[in-house]
N, C-alpha and C. Protein backbone atom coordinates (compact mmCIF):
# COMPACT_ATOMS: atom_id res chain seq x y z
N MET A 1 93.21 69.10 94.65
CA MET A 1 92.14 70.03 94.88
C MET A 1 91.62 69.93 96.32
N ASN A 2 91.49 68.70 96.81
CA ASN A 2 91.01 68.54 98.19
C ASN A 2 91.99 69.13 99.19
N LEU A 3 93.29 68.96 98.94
CA LEU A 3 94.30 69.52 99.83
C LEU A 3 94.21 71.04 99.85
N ALA A 4 94.01 71.67 98.70
CA ALA A 4 93.89 73.13 98.63
C ALA A 4 92.68 73.61 99.42
N ARG A 5 91.56 72.91 99.32
CA ARG A 5 90.38 73.31 100.09
C ARG A 5 90.59 73.17 101.58
N LYS A 6 91.27 72.11 101.98
CA LYS A 6 91.57 71.92 103.41
C LYS A 6 92.50 73.02 103.92
N GLU A 7 93.48 73.39 103.12
CA GLU A 7 94.39 74.46 103.53
C GLU A 7 93.66 75.79 103.65
N MET A 8 92.75 76.08 102.73
CA MET A 8 91.97 77.31 102.82
C MET A 8 91.09 77.30 104.06
N ALA A 9 90.50 76.17 104.38
CA ALA A 9 89.67 76.06 105.58
C ALA A 9 90.51 76.27 106.84
N LEU A 10 91.73 75.73 106.86
CA LEU A 10 92.61 75.93 108.02
C LEU A 10 93.01 77.39 108.18
N VAL A 11 93.31 78.08 107.09
CA VAL A 11 93.67 79.49 107.16
C VAL A 11 92.50 80.32 107.67
N LEU A 12 91.30 80.08 107.14
CA LEU A 12 90.12 80.82 107.61
C LEU A 12 89.82 80.53 109.07
N ALA A 13 89.93 79.28 109.48
CA ALA A 13 89.69 78.93 110.88
C ALA A 13 90.70 79.62 111.79
N THR A 14 91.95 79.68 111.37
CA THR A 14 92.98 80.36 112.16
C THR A 14 92.69 81.84 112.29
N LEU A 15 92.28 82.48 111.19
CA LEU A 15 91.96 83.91 111.24
C LEU A 15 90.81 84.18 112.19
N PHE A 16 89.76 83.37 112.13
CA PHE A 16 88.60 83.62 112.97
C PHE A 16 88.85 83.26 114.43
N ARG A 17 89.84 82.42 114.70
CA ARG A 17 90.20 82.15 116.10
C ARG A 17 91.04 83.28 116.67
N MET A 18 91.86 83.92 115.83
CA MET A 18 92.75 84.99 116.29
C MET A 18 92.01 86.31 116.49
N TYR A 19 90.99 86.57 115.69
CA TYR A 19 90.31 87.86 115.69
C TYR A 19 88.90 87.73 116.24
N ASP A 20 88.47 88.74 116.99
CA ASP A 20 87.12 88.81 117.55
C ASP A 20 86.29 89.78 116.70
N LEU A 21 84.97 89.71 116.79
CA LEU A 21 84.13 90.67 116.08
C LEU A 21 84.30 92.05 116.69
N TYR A 22 84.34 93.08 115.86
CA TYR A 22 84.55 94.44 116.32
C TYR A 22 83.28 95.00 116.93
N ARG A 23 83.37 95.38 118.20
CA ARG A 23 82.25 96.02 118.90
C ARG A 23 82.75 97.25 119.67
N GLY A 24 83.77 97.91 119.13
CA GLY A 24 84.30 99.11 119.75
C GLY A 24 85.43 98.85 120.73
N GLN A 25 85.80 97.61 120.95
CA GLN A 25 86.83 97.28 121.91
C GLN A 25 88.22 97.32 121.27
N ASP A 26 89.25 97.32 122.12
CA ASP A 26 90.63 97.25 121.64
C ASP A 26 91.01 95.79 121.43
N GLY A 27 92.12 95.60 120.76
CA GLY A 27 92.62 94.24 120.52
C GLY A 27 92.36 93.82 119.09
N PRO A 28 92.78 92.61 118.75
CA PRO A 28 92.61 92.13 117.37
C PRO A 28 91.14 91.83 117.06
N THR A 29 90.61 92.55 116.08
CA THR A 29 89.20 92.38 115.72
C THR A 29 89.03 92.35 114.20
N VAL A 30 87.87 91.88 113.75
CA VAL A 30 87.52 91.85 112.34
C VAL A 30 86.14 92.49 112.20
N GLU A 31 85.96 93.28 111.14
CA GLU A 31 84.71 94.00 110.94
C GLU A 31 84.33 93.96 109.45
N LEU A 32 83.05 93.79 109.15
CA LEU A 32 82.59 93.85 107.77
C LEU A 32 82.75 95.28 107.26
N TYR A 33 83.17 95.41 106.01
CA TYR A 33 83.38 96.73 105.41
C TYR A 33 82.59 96.82 104.11
N ASP A 34 81.66 97.76 104.03
CA ASP A 34 80.90 98.03 102.81
C ASP A 34 80.32 96.74 102.22
N THR A 35 79.65 95.97 103.08
CA THR A 35 79.09 94.69 102.67
C THR A 35 77.59 94.67 102.93
N GLU A 36 76.83 94.33 101.91
CA GLU A 36 75.38 94.14 102.05
C GLU A 36 75.07 92.69 101.72
N ARG A 37 74.24 92.07 102.52
CA ARG A 37 73.95 90.65 102.33
C ARG A 37 73.34 90.36 100.96
N ALA A 38 72.33 91.12 100.56
CA ALA A 38 71.63 90.86 99.30
C ALA A 38 72.55 91.05 98.10
N ARG A 39 73.46 92.02 98.16
CA ARG A 39 74.34 92.32 97.03
C ARG A 39 75.60 91.46 97.01
N ASP A 40 76.22 91.26 98.17
CA ASP A 40 77.55 90.67 98.22
C ASP A 40 77.61 89.21 98.67
N ILE A 41 76.60 88.74 99.38
CA ILE A 41 76.70 87.40 99.96
C ILE A 41 75.71 86.42 99.35
N ASP A 42 74.44 86.80 99.25
CA ASP A 42 73.42 85.90 98.72
C ASP A 42 73.67 85.62 97.23
N PRO A 43 73.50 84.37 96.81
CA PRO A 43 73.71 84.06 95.39
C PRO A 43 72.64 84.73 94.52
N ASN A 44 73.08 85.30 93.41
CA ASN A 44 72.17 85.99 92.51
C ASN A 44 72.10 85.30 91.16
N HIS A 45 73.22 84.73 90.71
CA HIS A 45 73.28 84.00 89.44
C HIS A 45 73.72 82.57 89.76
N ASP A 46 73.22 81.61 89.02
CA ASP A 46 73.62 80.24 89.25
C ASP A 46 73.90 79.57 87.91
N TYR A 47 75.15 79.67 87.47
CA TYR A 47 75.53 79.00 86.22
C TYR A 47 75.96 77.57 86.59
N ILE A 48 77.15 77.40 87.05
CA ILE A 48 77.59 76.11 87.59
C ILE A 48 77.79 76.26 89.09
N ILE A 49 78.32 77.39 89.50
CA ILE A 49 78.46 77.72 90.91
C ILE A 49 77.72 79.04 91.14
N PRO A 50 77.21 79.28 92.34
CA PRO A 50 76.48 80.53 92.59
C PRO A 50 77.41 81.75 92.59
N PHE A 51 76.92 82.86 92.05
CA PHE A 51 77.67 84.12 91.99
C PHE A 51 76.88 85.21 92.68
N PRO A 52 77.57 86.21 93.27
CA PRO A 52 76.85 87.38 93.80
C PRO A 52 76.36 88.26 92.67
N ALA A 53 75.66 89.31 93.00
CA ALA A 53 75.10 90.23 92.00
C ALA A 53 76.22 90.92 91.22
N LYS A 54 75.91 91.36 90.00
CA LYS A 54 76.90 92.08 89.19
C LYS A 54 77.26 93.39 89.88
N GLY A 55 78.51 93.76 89.81
CA GLY A 55 78.98 94.97 90.44
C GLY A 55 79.40 94.77 91.89
N SER A 56 79.20 93.58 92.42
CA SER A 56 79.58 93.29 93.80
C SER A 56 81.09 93.13 93.90
N LYS A 57 81.67 93.67 94.95
CA LYS A 57 83.10 93.50 95.20
C LYS A 57 83.35 92.33 96.14
N GLY A 58 82.28 91.62 96.50
CA GLY A 58 82.41 90.46 97.37
C GLY A 58 82.43 90.84 98.83
N LEU A 59 82.65 89.86 99.66
CA LEU A 59 82.72 90.05 101.10
C LEU A 59 84.03 90.76 101.42
N ARG A 60 83.94 91.92 102.05
CA ARG A 60 85.12 92.71 102.40
C ARG A 60 85.16 92.91 103.90
N VAL A 61 86.33 92.72 104.48
CA VAL A 61 86.48 92.86 105.93
C VAL A 61 87.70 93.74 106.24
N ILE A 62 87.70 94.26 107.47
CA ILE A 62 88.83 95.04 107.98
C ILE A 62 89.37 94.29 109.18
N PHE A 63 90.67 94.00 109.18
CA PHE A 63 91.33 93.38 110.33
C PHE A 63 92.01 94.49 111.11
N ARG A 64 91.75 94.56 112.43
CA ARG A 64 92.33 95.60 113.28
C ARG A 64 93.17 94.96 114.37
N HIS A 65 94.20 95.67 114.78
CA HIS A 65 95.02 95.22 115.92
C HIS A 65 94.87 96.19 117.06
């Protein structure tokens, strides 16, 4: 389990190093898509682990080249 978490952290770190935040420029960028903080990111339910609100599709992003 610890190895899987480390691998996921490495993949996310690699993605965020390769892509810049989208501000209208050219090149590899990442942009939030149809994401609201209160609905998709902030925890709304807490059973054993925190969950977003019902009906949320989660954090969605667009990768551009």
